C-alpha atoms as a PDB file:
ATOM      1  CA  MET A   1      30.896 -15.341  41.262  1.00  0.00           C
ATOM      2  CA  LEU A   2      29.048 -14.314  37.945  1.00  0.00           C
ATOM      3  CA  SER A   3      29.288 -17.049  35.013  1.00  0.00           C
ATOM      4  CA  PHE A   4      31.589 -15.851  31.716  1.00  0.00           C
ATOM      5  CA  ILE A   5      28.329 -15.645  29.780  1.00  0.00           C
ATOM      6  CA  THR A   6      26.623 -13.088  32.142  1.00  0.00           C
ATOM      7  CA  ARG A   7      30.001 -11.245  32.437  1.00  0.00           C
ATOM      8  CA  LEU A   8      30.130 -11.074  28.465  1.00  0.00           C
ATOM      9  CA  LYS A   9      26.692  -9.876  27.903  1.00  0.00           C
ATOM     10  CA  LYS A  10      26.396  -7.128  30.840  1.00  0.00           C
ATOM     11  CA  ILE A  11      30.084  -5.766  28.872  1.00  0.00           C
ATOM     12  CA  LYS A  12      27.966  -5.886  25.972  1.00  0.00           C
ATOM     13  CA  ASN A  13      25.263  -4.028  27.233  1.00  0.00           C
ATOM     14  CA  LEU A  14      27.657  -1.468  28.885  1.00  0.00           C
ATOM     15  CA  ILE A  15      28.938  -0.664  25.479  1.00  0.00           C
ATOM     16  CA  ILE A  16      26.003  -0.756  23.755  1.00  0.00           C
ATOM     17  CA  ALA A  17      24.690   1.907  26.353  1.00  0.00           C
ATOM     18  CA  LYS A  18      27.452   3.969  25.895  1.00  0.00           C
ATOM     19  CA  ILE A  19      27.427   4.175  22.169  1.00  0.00           C
ATOM     20  CA  ASP A  20      23.884   5.683  22.790  1.00  0.00           C
ATOM     21  CA  LYS A  21      24.973   8.172  25.057  1.00  0.00           C
ATOM     22  CA  ILE A  22      27.471   8.888  23.070  1.00  0.00           C
ATOM     23  CA  LEU A  23      25.412   9.297  20.031  1.00  0.00           C
ATOM     24  CA  LEU A  24      22.828  11.562  22.525  1.00  0.00           C
ATOM     25  CA  ASN A  25      25.480  13.680  23.612  1.00  0.00           C
ATOM     26  CA  GLN A  26      26.716  14.532  19.939  1.00  0.00           C
ATOM     27  CA  LEU A  27      23.046  15.121  18.606  1.00  0.00           C
ATOM     28  CA  ARG A  28      23.163  18.021  17.418  1.00  0.00           C
ATOM     29  CA  THR A  29      26.331  17.809  15.386  1.00  0.00           C
ATOM     30  CA  GLU A  30      25.777  17.113  12.015  1.00  0.00           C
ATOM     31  CA  GLU A  31      28.246  14.196  11.472  1.00  0.00           C
ATOM     32  CA  THR A  32      26.231  12.053  14.368  1.00  0.00           C
ATOM     33  CA  ILE A  33      22.746  12.819  12.911  1.00  0.00           C
ATOM     34  CA  LYS A  34      24.424  11.348   9.487  1.00  0.00           C
ATOM     35  CA  LEU A  35      25.182   8.049  11.502  1.00  0.00           C
ATOM     36  CA  LEU A  36      22.047   7.715  13.066  1.00  0.00           C
ATOM     37  CA  PRO A  37      20.051   5.910   9.754  1.00  0.00           C
ATOM     38  CA  GLU A  38      22.968   3.976   9.599  1.00  0.00           C
ATOM     39  CA  ILE A  39      23.031   2.682  13.072  1.00  0.00           C
ATOM     40  CA  SER A  40      18.966   1.816  13.508  1.00  0.00           C
ATOM     41  CA  ALA A  41      17.843   1.520  16.999  1.00  0.00           C
ATOM     42  CA  ASP A  42      16.858  -1.633  17.320  1.00  0.00           C
ATOM     43  CA  GLN A  43      20.530  -2.938  15.543  1.00  0.00           C
ATOM     44  CA  ARG A  44      22.031  -1.181  18.387  1.00  0.00           C
ATOM     45  CA  THR A  45      20.438  -3.465  21.175  1.00  0.00           C
ATOM     46  CA  GLN A  46      22.189  -6.768  19.132  1.00  0.00           C
ATOM     47  CA  THR A  47      25.482  -7.964  19.265  1.00  0.00           C
ATOM     48  CA  ILE A  48      25.042  -8.433  15.579  1.00  0.00           C
ATOM     49  CA  ILE A  49      26.136  -4.316  15.153  1.00  0.00           C
ATOM     50  CA  LEU A  50      30.090  -4.983  15.603  1.00  0.00           C
ATOM     51  CA  ASN A  51      29.826  -7.810  12.713  1.00  0.00           C
ATOM     52  CA  LYS A  52      27.372  -5.530  10.259  1.00  0.00           C
ATOM     53  CA  HIS A  53      28.228  -1.836  11.477  1.00  0.00           C
ATOM     54  CA  SER A  54      32.175  -2.247  11.311  1.00  0.00           C
ATOM     55  CA  ARG A  55      32.753   0.834   9.388  1.00  0.00           C
ATOM     56  CA  VAL A  56      30.706   3.521  11.429  1.00  0.00           C
ATOM     57  CA  LEU A  57      31.639   2.192  14.924  1.00  0.00           C
ATOM     58  CA  GLU A  58      35.319   3.163  13.640  1.00  0.00           C
ATOM     59  CA  GLU A  59      33.911   6.303  13.234  1.00  0.00           C
ATOM     60  CA  VAL A  60      32.684   7.133  16.621  1.00  0.00           C
ATOM     61  CA  LYS A  61      35.543   5.013  17.971  1.00  0.00           C
ATOM     62  CA  SER A  62      37.638   7.764  18.927  1.00  0.00           C
ATOM     63  CA  LEU A  63      34.751   9.218  21.120  1.00  0.00           C
ATOM     64  CA  LEU A  64      33.752   5.615  22.457  1.00  0.00           C
ATOM     65  CA  GLN A  65      37.144   5.612  23.321  1.00  0.00           C
ATOM     66  CA  GLU A  66      37.388   8.604  25.623  1.00  0.00           C
ATOM     67  CA  ASN A  67      34.134   7.593  27.509  1.00  0.00           C
ATOM     68  CA  LEU A  68      35.113   3.484  28.183  1.00  0.00           C
ATOM     69  CA  GLU A  69      38.187   5.092  30.032  1.00  0.00           C
ATOM     70  CA  LYS A  70      36.006   6.558  32.354  1.00  0.00           C
ATOM     71  CA  THR A  71      34.342   3.756  33.081  1.00  0.00           C
ATOM     72  CA  SER A  72      35.576   0.375  34.895  1.00  0.00           C
ATOM     73  CA  LEU A  73      34.808  -2.652  33.067  1.00  0.00           C
ATOM     74  CA  SER A  74      35.025  -5.005  36.804  1.00  0.00           C
ATOM     75  CA  SER A  75      32.767  -7.917  36.964  1.00  0.00           C
ATOM     76  CA  HIS A  76      32.267  -6.702  40.120  1.00  0.00           C
ATOM     77  CA  THR A  77      31.461  -3.060  39.511  1.00  0.00           C
ATOM     78  CA  LEU A  78      29.440  -3.158  36.088  1.00  0.00           C
ATOM     79  CA  PRO A  79      26.213  -1.145  36.080  1.00  0.00           C
ATOM     80  CA  ASN A  80      22.867  -2.556  35.431  1.00  0.00           C
ATOM     81  CA  LYS A  81      21.385   0.628  35.082  1.00  0.00           C
ATOM     82  CA  THR A  82      21.228   4.032  33.631  1.00  0.00           C
ATOM     83  CA  THR A  83      22.660   6.672  36.143  1.00  0.00           C
ATOM     84  CA  GLU A  84      20.854   9.936  37.386  1.00  0.00           C
ATOM     85  CA  THR A  85      23.131  11.573  35.241  1.00  0.00           C
ATOM     86  CA  ASP A  86      22.912   9.593  32.186  1.00  0.00           C
ATOM     87  CA  GLN A  87      18.971   9.888  32.560  1.00  0.00           C
ATOM     88  CA  GLN A  88      19.175  13.848  32.777  1.00  0.00           C
ATOM     89  CA  GLU A  89      21.384  13.956  29.512  1.00  0.00           C
ATOM     90  CA  THR A  90      18.584  11.639  27.948  1.00  0.00           C
ATOM     91  CA  LYS A  91      16.470  14.524  28.268  1.00  0.00           C
ATOM     92  CA  GLU A  92      18.304  16.959  27.292  1.00  0.00           C
ATOM     93  CA  ALA A  93      18.688  15.459  24.112  1.00  0.00           C
ATOM     94  CA  SER A  94      15.967  15.789  21.297  1.00  0.00           C
ATOM     95  CA  PRO A  95      14.758  11.571  20.567  1.00  0.00           C
ATOM     96  CA  ILE A  96      13.497  13.001  16.902  1.00  0.00           C
ATOM     97  CA  PRO A  97      16.823  11.514  15.409  1.00  0.00           C
ATOM     98  CA  PHE A  98      16.716   8.612  16.653  1.00  0.00           C
ATOM     99  CA  PHE A  99      12.973   8.076  15.406  1.00  0.00           C
ATOM    100  CA  GLN A 100      13.345   9.769  12.276  1.00  0.00           C
ATOM    101  CA  ALA A 101      15.728   7.546  10.942  1.00  0.00           C
ATOM    102  CA  ASP A 102      15.491   5.798   7.700  1.00  0.00           C
ATOM    103  CA  PHE A 103      15.213   2.672   9.104  1.00  0.00           C
ATOM    104  CA  TYR A 104      12.089   3.974  11.330  1.00  0.00           C
ATOM    105  CA  GLN A 105      10.505   5.616   8.463  1.00  0.00           C
ATOM    106  CA  ARG A 106      10.929   2.700   6.023  1.00  0.00           C
ATOM    107  CA  ILE A 107       9.342   0.423   8.343  1.00  0.00           C
ATOM    108  CA  ASN A 108       6.387   2.904   9.152  1.00  0.00           C
ATOM    109  CA  GLN A 109       5.805   3.322   5.713  1.00  0.00           C
ATOM    110  CA  ARG A 110       5.270  -0.335   5.668  1.00  0.00           C
ATOM    111  CA  ARG A 111       3.512  -1.340   8.630  1.00  0.00           C
ATOM    112  CA  LEU A 112       0.498   1.920   7.943  1.00  0.00           C
ATOM    113  CA  GLU A 113       0.206   1.069   4.521  1.00  0.00           C
ATOM    114  CA  HIS A 114      -0.369  -2.591   5.454  1.00  0.00           C
ATOM    115  CA  LEU A 115      -2.932  -1.221   8.298  1.00  0.00           C
ATOM    116  CA  ALA A 116      -4.583   0.918   5.507  1.00  0.00           C
ATOM    117  CA  SER A 117      -4.973  -2.454   3.152  1.00  0.00           C
ATOM    118  CA  LEU A 118      -7.111  -4.713   5.543  1.00  0.00           C
ATOM    119  CA  ASN A 119     -10.209  -2.385   5.143  1.00  0.00           C
ATOM    120  CA  LEU A 120     -10.665  -2.401   8.912  1.00  0.00           C
ATOM    121  CA  PRO A 121     -13.954  -0.212  10.798  1.00  0.00           C
ATOM    122  CA  ILE A 122     -11.106   2.947  11.965  1.00  0.00           C
ATOM    123  CA  ALA A 123     -12.830   5.912  10.488  1.00  0.00           C
ATOM    124  CA  ASP A 124     -14.421   8.415  12.835  1.00  0.00           C
ATOM    125  CA  SER A 125     -13.476   6.171  15.948  1.00  0.00           C
ATOM    126  CA  THR A 126     -12.207   6.806  19.154  1.00  0.00           C
ATOM    127  CA  VAL A 127      -8.822   5.319  19.403  1.00  0.00           C
ATOM    128  CA  LEU A 128      -6.179   5.218  21.935  1.00  0.00           C
ATOM    129  CA  GLU A 129      -2.695   5.201  20.657  1.00  0.00           C
ATOM    130  CA  VAL A 130      -0.029   3.397  23.506  1.00  0.00           C
ATOM    131  CA  GLY A 131       3.381   3.823  22.926  1.00  0.00           C
ATOM    132  CA  ALA A 132       3.126   6.361  20.446  1.00  0.00           C
ATOM    133  CA  GLY A 133       6.713   7.246  20.280  1.00  0.00           C
ATOM    134  CA  ILE A 134       7.056  10.989  18.926  1.00  0.00           C
ATOM    135  CA  GLY A 135       3.816  10.210  17.046  1.00  0.00           C
ATOM    136  CA  ASP A 136       4.711   8.664  14.039  1.00  0.00           C
ATOM    137  CA  HIS A 137       1.561   6.771  13.812  1.00  0.00           C
ATOM    138  CA  THR A 138      -0.622   9.526  15.099  1.00  0.00           C
ATOM    139  CA  SER A 139      -1.801  11.074  12.001  1.00  0.00           C
ATOM    140  CA  PHE A 140      -3.211   8.156  10.437  1.00  0.00           C
ATOM    141  CA  PHE A 141      -5.900   8.400  12.505  1.00  0.00           C
ATOM    142  CA  THR A 142      -6.820  11.913  12.552  1.00  0.00           C
ATOM    143  CA  ASP A 143      -6.157  11.558   9.089  1.00  0.00           C
ATOM    144  CA  ARG A 144      -9.431   9.546   9.117  1.00  0.00           C
ATOM    145  CA  GLY A 145     -11.278  11.647  11.258  1.00  0.00           C
ATOM    146  CA  CYS A 146     -10.900  10.089  14.724  1.00  0.00           C
ATOM    147  CA  GLN A 147     -10.934  11.232  18.224  1.00  0.00           C
ATOM    148  CA  ILE A 148      -7.297   9.799  19.474  1.00  0.00           C
ATOM    149  CA  VAL A 149      -5.692  10.055  22.624  1.00  0.00           C
ATOM    150  CA  SER A 150      -1.705   9.581  22.142  1.00  0.00           C
ATOM    151  CA  THR A 151      -0.309   8.161  25.424  1.00  0.00           C
ATOM    152  CA  GLU A 152       3.537   7.405  25.646  1.00  0.00           C
ATOM    153  CA  SER A 153       5.861   6.889  28.826  1.00  0.00           C
ATOM    154  CA  ARG A 154       8.617   9.043  28.664  1.00  0.00           C
ATOM    155  CA  PRO A 155       8.734  12.677  29.000  1.00  0.00           C
ATOM    156  CA  GLU A 156      10.717  13.849  25.790  1.00  0.00           C
ATOM    157  CA  ASN A 157       8.918  12.092  23.709  1.00  0.00           C
ATOM    158  CA  LEU A 158       5.591  13.222  24.563  1.00  0.00           C
ATOM    159  CA  ASP A 159       6.632  17.174  24.510  1.00  0.00           C
ATOM    160  CA  VAL A 160       7.618  16.292  20.696  1.00  0.00           C
ATOM    161  CA  ILE A 161       3.877  14.662  20.416  1.00  0.00           C
ATOM    162  CA  ARG A 162       2.716  17.757  21.556  1.00  0.00           C
ATOM    163  CA  SER A 163       4.556  19.984  19.710  1.00  0.00           C
ATOM    164  CA  ARG A 164       3.713  17.962  16.434  1.00  0.00           C
ATOM    165  CA  TYR A 165      -0.403  17.653  17.374  1.00  0.00           C
ATOM    166  CA  PRO A 166      -1.158  20.821  19.543  1.00  0.00           C
ATOM    167  CA  LYS A 167      -4.838  20.015  18.571  1.00  0.00           C
ATOM    168  CA  ILE A 168      -5.229  16.380  20.296  1.00  0.00           C
ATOM    169  CA  ARG A 169      -5.100  15.303  23.899  1.00  0.00           C
ATOM    170  CA  VAL A 170      -1.673  13.985  24.873  1.00  0.00           C
ATOM    171  CA  GLU A 171      -1.211  12.048  28.260  1.00  0.00           C
ATOM    172  CA  GLN A 172       1.807   9.850  29.841  1.00  0.00           C
ATOM    173  CA  LEU A 173       0.907   6.068  30.098  1.00  0.00           C
ATOM    174  CA  ASP A 174       3.180   3.598  31.108  1.00  0.00           C
ATOM    175  CA  LEU A 175       1.830  -0.043  30.361  1.00  0.00           C
ATOM    176  CA  ASP A 176       3.845  -1.600  32.732  1.00  0.00           C
ATOM    177  CA  TYR A 177       2.329   0.333  35.381  1.00  0.00           C
ATOM    178  CA  PRO A 178      -0.595   2.179  34.184  1.00  0.00           C
ATOM    179  CA  LYS A 179      -2.705   4.751  35.861  1.00  0.00           C
ATOM    180  CA  PRO A 180      -5.559   2.940  37.833  1.00  0.00           C
ATOM    181  CA  GLU A 181      -7.562   6.261  37.163  1.00  0.00           C
ATOM    182  CA  PHE A 182      -6.976   6.007  33.793  1.00  0.00           C
ATOM    183  CA  GLN A 183     -10.620   4.390  32.681  1.00  0.00           C
ATOM    184  CA  GLU A 184     -12.104   5.454  29.643  1.00  0.00           C
ATOM    185  CA  LEU A 185     -13.230   3.285  27.001  1.00  0.00           C
ATOM    186  CA  PHE A 186     -12.422   3.651  23.061  1.00  0.00           C
ATOM    187  CA  ASP A 187     -13.598   1.970  19.736  1.00  0.00           C
ATOM    188  CA  ILE A 188      -9.976   1.116  19.098  1.00  0.00           C
ATOM    189  CA  VAL A 189      -6.678   0.455  21.048  1.00  0.00           C
ATOM    190  CA  TYR A 190      -3.495   0.992  18.740  1.00  0.00           C
ATOM    191  CA  CYS A 191      -0.258  -0.956  20.386  1.00  0.00           C
ATOM    192  CA  TYR A 192       1.995  -0.994  17.030  1.00  0.00           C
ATOM    193  CA  GLY A 193       5.973  -1.555  18.424  1.00  0.00           C
ATOM    194  CA  LEU A 194       5.416  -1.122  21.797  1.00  0.00           C
ATOM    195  CA  LEU A 195       4.576  -4.935  23.537  1.00  0.00           C
ATOM    196  CA  TYR A 196       8.119  -5.711  23.105  1.00  0.00           C
ATOM    197  CA  HIS A 197       9.429  -3.272  24.665  1.00  0.00           C
ATOM    198  CA  LEU A 198       7.614  -4.069  28.626  1.00  0.00           C
ATOM    199  CA  LYS A 199       8.427  -6.132  31.559  1.00  0.00           C
ATOM    200  CA  LYS A 200       4.786  -6.762  32.096  1.00  0.00           C
ATOM    201  CA  PRO A 201       2.968  -7.870  28.861  1.00  0.00           C
ATOM    202  CA  ALA A 202       0.372 -10.057  29.871  1.00  0.00           C
ATOM    203  CA  GLU A 203      -0.489  -7.170  32.444  1.00  0.00           C
ATOM    204  CA  ALA A 204      -0.914  -4.645  30.005  1.00  0.00           C
ATOM    205  CA  ILE A 205      -2.318  -6.754  27.306  1.00  0.00           C
ATOM    206  CA  ALA A 206      -5.250  -7.112  30.437  1.00  0.00           C
ATOM    207  CA  PHE A 207      -5.675  -3.147  30.753  1.00  0.00           C
ATOM    208  CA  MET A 208      -5.493  -3.060  27.201  1.00  0.00           C
ATOM    209  CA  ALA A 209      -8.688  -5.366  26.552  1.00  0.00           C
ATOM    210  CA  LYS A 210     -10.280  -3.242  29.534  1.00  0.00           C
ATOM    211  CA  ARG A 211     -10.020   0.425  27.825  1.00  0.00           C
ATOM    212  CA  THR A 212     -11.832  -1.095  24.327  1.00  0.00           C
ATOM    213  CA  PRO A 213     -15.866  -2.655  24.138  1.00  0.00           C
ATOM    214  CA  LYS A 214     -14.476  -3.266  20.333  1.00  0.00           C
ATOM    215  CA  MET A 215     -10.644  -4.083  18.945  1.00  0.00           C
ATOM    216  CA  LEU A 216      -7.354  -4.027  20.049  1.00  0.00           C
ATOM    217  CA  LEU A 217      -4.588  -3.302  16.836  1.00  0.00           C
ATOM    218  CA  LEU A 218      -1.312  -5.325  17.942  1.00  0.00           C
ATOM    219  CA  GLU A 219       1.988  -5.165  16.023  1.00  0.00           C
ATOM    220  CA  THR A 220       4.914  -6.421  17.793  1.00  0.00           C
ATOM    221  CA  CYS A 221       8.489  -8.231  17.417  1.00  0.00           C
ATOM    222  CA  VAL A 222       8.133 -11.804  18.454  1.00  0.00           C
ATOM    223  CA  SER A 223      10.374 -15.017  18.918  1.00  0.00           C
ATOM    224  CA  PHE A 224       9.661 -18.160  16.877  1.00  0.00           C
ATOM    225  CA  GLY A 225       8.774 -21.597  18.731  1.00  0.00           C
ATOM    226  CA  GLU A 226       6.099 -24.044  18.916  1.00  0.00           C
ATOM    227  CA  LYS A 227       5.292 -23.142  22.777  1.00  0.00           C
ATOM    228  CA  ALA A 228       4.266 -20.433  24.065  1.00  0.00           C
ATOM    229  CA  ALA A 229       7.130 -18.250  26.277  1.00  0.00           C
ATOM    230  CA  VAL A 230       7.808 -14.610  26.993  1.00  0.00           C
ATOM    231  CA  ASN A 231      11.562 -14.321  26.401  1.00  0.00           C
ATOM    232  CA  PHE A 232      12.662 -11.381  28.362  1.00  0.00           C
ATOM    233  CA  CYS A 233      15.397  -9.321  27.599  1.00  0.00           C
ATOM    234  CA  GLU A 234      17.275  -6.556  28.599  1.00  0.00           C
ATOM    235  CA  GLU A 235      17.198  -2.856  26.702  1.00  0.00           C
ATOM    236  CA  PRO A 236      18.946   0.000  26.827  1.00  0.00           C
ATOM    237  CA  THR A 237      16.847   2.670  28.938  1.00  0.00           C
ATOM    238  CA  ILE A 238      18.873   5.347  27.604  1.00  0.00           C
ATOM    239  CA  ASN A 239      18.061   4.971  23.977  1.00  0.00           C
ATOM    240  CA  PRO A 240      14.529   7.451  23.577  1.00  0.00           C
ATOM    241  CA  THR A 241      13.306   4.049  21.501  1.00  0.00           C
ATOM    242  CA  GLN A 242      13.733   1.638  23.862  1.00  0.00           C
ATOM    243  CA  SER A 243      11.882   0.247  27.404  1.00  0.00           C
ATOM    244  CA  SER A 244      11.817   3.149  29.601  1.00  0.00           C
ATOM    245  CA  SER A 245      12.358   0.304  32.138  1.00  0.00           C
ATOM    246  CA  GLY A 246      15.496  -1.625  31.072  1.00  0.00           C
ATOM    247  CA  THR A 247      13.264  -5.069  30.442  1.00  0.00           C
ATOM    248  CA  GLY A 248      12.060  -6.052  27.762  1.00  0.00           C
ATOM    249  CA  CYS A 249      10.309  -8.905  26.053  1.00  0.00           C
ATOM    250  CA  ARG A 250      10.023 -11.580  22.455  1.00  0.00           C
ATOM    251  CA  PRO A 251       6.841 -13.227  23.179  1.00  0.00           C
ATOM    252  CA  THR A 252       6.377 -16.309  20.496  1.00  0.00           C
ATOM    253  CA  ARG A 253       3.231 -16.215  18.427  1.00  0.00           C
ATOM    254  CA  ILE A 254       1.539 -18.908  20.703  1.00  0.00           C
ATOM    255  CA  TRP A 255       1.964 -16.641  23.836  1.00  0.00           C
ATOM    256  CA  ILE A 256       0.501 -13.815  22.302  1.00  0.00           C
ATOM    257  CA  TYR A 257      -2.571 -15.346  21.041  1.00  0.00           C
ATOM    258  CA  GLU A 258      -3.362 -17.234  24.051  1.00  0.00           C
ATOM    259  CA  GLN A 259      -3.371 -14.209  26.179  1.00  0.00           C
ATOM    260  CA  LEU A 260      -5.323 -12.520  23.781  1.00  0.00           C
ATOM    261  CA  LYS A 261      -7.547 -14.839  23.886  1.00  0.00           C
ATOM    262  CA  GLN A 262      -8.486 -14.891  27.774  1.00  0.00           C
ATOM    263  CA  HIS A 263      -9.856 -11.237  26.973  1.00  0.00           C
ATOM    264  CA  PHE A 264     -11.000 -10.985  23.852  1.00  0.00           C
ATOM    265  CA  GLN A 265     -13.689 -13.625  22.162  1.00  0.00           C
ATOM    266  CA  TYR A 266     -12.144 -13.268  18.904  1.00  0.00           C
ATOM    267  CA  VAL A 267      -8.574 -13.151  17.925  1.00  0.00           C
ATOM    268  CA  TYR A 268      -7.382 -12.531  14.108  1.00  0.00           C
ATOM    269  CA  LEU A 269      -4.412 -12.882  12.576  1.00  0.00           C
ATOM    270  CA  PRO A 270      -4.070 -11.117   8.885  1.00  0.00           C
ATOM    271  CA  LEU A 271      -3.388 -13.087   5.497  1.00  0.00           C
ATOM    272  CA  THR A 272      -0.664 -10.787   4.798  1.00  0.00           C
ATOM    273  CA  GLN A 273       2.736  -9.340   6.294  1.00  0.00           C
ATOM    274  CA  PRO A 274       3.736  -5.928   5.294  1.00  0.00           C
ATOM    275  CA  ASN A 275       6.184  -5.914   2.980  1.00  0.00           C
ATOM    276  CA  HIS A 276       9.491  -5.558   4.940  1.00  0.00           C
ATOM    277  CA  GLU A 277      12.039  -8.255   5.669  1.00  0.00           C
ATOM    278  CA  GLN A 278      10.866  -8.043   9.345  1.00  0.00           C
ATOM    279  CA  PHE A 279       7.551  -9.374   8.721  1.00  0.00           C
ATOM    280  CA  PRO A 280       8.259 -13.354   8.057  1.00  0.00           C
ATOM    281  CA  ILE A 281       5.613 -14.688   5.761  1.00  0.00           C
ATOM    282  CA  LYS A 282       7.577 -18.963   7.259  1.00  0.00           C
ATOM    283  CA  TRP A 283       6.878 -19.203  10.769  1.00  0.00           C
ATOM    284  CA  ASP A 284       7.499 -23.240  10.102  1.00  0.00           C
ATOM    285  CA  SER A 285      11.381 -22.877   8.977  1.00  0.00           C
ATOM    286  CA  GLN A 286      12.477 -19.666   9.425  1.00  0.00           C
ATOM    287  CA  ASN A 287      13.041 -20.335  12.972  1.00  0.00           C
ATOM    288  CA  THR A 288      16.359 -22.294  11.562  1.00  0.00           C
ATOM    289  CA  GLN A 289      16.969 -19.978   8.554  1.00  0.00           C
ATOM    290  CA  ARG A 290      17.203 -16.130  10.170  1.00  0.00           C
ATOM    291  CA  ASP A 291      20.337 -15.171  11.782  1.00  0.00           C
ATOM    292  CA  GLN A 292      19.031 -15.094  15.688  1.00  0.00           C
ATOM    293  CA  TRP A 293      19.890 -11.044  16.198  1.00  0.00           C
ATOM    294  CA  ASP A 294      17.371 -10.812  13.225  1.00  0.00           C
ATOM    295  CA  LEU A 295      13.877  -9.414  14.823  1.00  0.00           C
ATOM    296  CA  ALA A 296      10.755 -10.845  13.657  1.00  0.00           C
ATOM    297  CA  ARG A 297       7.281  -9.287  13.881  1.00  0.00           C
ATOM    298  CA  SER A 298       3.926 -10.118  13.807  1.00  0.00           C
ATOM    299  CA  ILE A 299       0.101  -8.757  13.697  1.00  0.00           C
ATOM    300  CA  PHE A 300      -2.902  -9.714  15.553  1.00  0.00           C
ATOM    301  CA  ILE A 301      -6.468  -8.002  15.351  1.00  0.00           C
ATOM    302  CA  ALA A 302      -8.451  -9.012  18.714  1.00  0.00           C
ATOM    303  CA  SER A 303     -12.146  -8.239  19.187  1.00  0.00           C
ATOM    304  CA  HIS A 304     -15.190  -8.697  21.335  1.00  0.00           C
ATOM    305  CA  GLN A 305     -17.006  -8.842  18.402  1.00  0.00           C
ATOM    306  CA  ALA A 306     -16.603 -11.185  15.249  1.00  0.00           C
ATOM    307  CA  LEU A 307     -15.207  -9.215  12.219  1.00  0.00           C
ATOM    308  CA  SER A 308     -16.554 -10.271   8.449  1.00  0.00           C
ATOM    309  CA  ASN A 309     -13.394  -9.799   7.162  1.00  0.00           C
ATOM    310  CA  PRO A 310     -11.639 -12.160   4.073  1.00  0.00           C
ATOM    311  CA  LEU A 311      -8.439 -10.462   4.790  1.00  0.00           C
ATOM    312  CA  LEU A 312      -7.961 -11.777   7.909  1.00  0.00           C
ATOM    313  CA  THR A 313      -8.197 -15.700   9.867  1.00  0.00           C
ATOM    314  CA  GLU A 314      -8.817 -17.060  13.297  1.00  0.00           C
ATOM    315  CA  GLU A 315      -5.899 -19.560  12.399  1.00  0.00           C
ATOM    316  CA  LEU A 316      -2.165 -19.151  13.902  1.00  0.00           C
ATOM    317  CA  LEU A 317      -0.980 -18.526  10.346  1.00  0.00           C
ATOM    318  CA  SER A 318       2.328 -20.944   9.308  1.00  0.00           C
ATOM    319  CA  ILE A 319       2.710 -19.356   6.124  1.00  0.00           C
ATOM    320  CA  GLN A 320       1.272 -16.142   5.344  1.00  0.00           C
ATOM    321  CA  GLU A 321       2.020 -14.030   1.897  1.00  0.00           C
ATOM    322  CA  LYS A 322       3.510 -10.439   1.478  1.00  0.00           C
ATOM    323  CA  HIS A 323       1.502  -7.090   0.939  1.00  0.00           C
END
């Protein structure tokens, strides 16, 4: 017998998956494209959506009602995985509107302007980009003369990257199950916005460490806490911005730091954080002040070689500054 809390979680995840399915089915309509920026992909995966987006939910209510009537909410039959039909519909729908929502464009701007401010030795490097989505970060490296290999696990996202960057090499790579034949080395492995969508984050860090003799750039959602913990969570597979396996994680910063130290001699944090609300600057007190559903992000620079950079520190900072 499923516990009451477990049943509620399953119902919540089913409703969220249905909302995403409806949005995907309606992507080509002008009304839904207008709705996408108002419901960010990350927020759709959180129960706080019910409080923060009541107006938008009213607008999709009629569509949702029609779809939910076809689905039994019995605790004995609630689905845990995306159906084959759902997967086919996801492949047919374009992921572009999800990634190009205002929410994503804004956070990408803050991430990349912050990365540029760190004055890292990036120009003219060879770069392995993992979890590239539809390639919204790729031009940061091509504009700096880098030779980049852009990788992503979802075929529909890969199609978009190839259309946007026909001159670069694009490959399918799932960091939960990386191809053993993928043995190339790169100056930089770039992993922004992927680790928290993985069900095997420790194995992914180990894989990335082996792919570079120099540096790993890592940005991820994290959980507050003084102890090392992975904190696995469910994510809707039908959403092209979320975990392709249905399982993600929100590790604590100390867990990430310790994992990186197993593979890199030097692990740094920037003194600053991007100027965006999802990048906290106070880690010792905000764990009790922030809403439990608000996402918190952190940045790590792991290197096999010492970096002489006054903007970085090897200390796991409890207070950072806004860039």
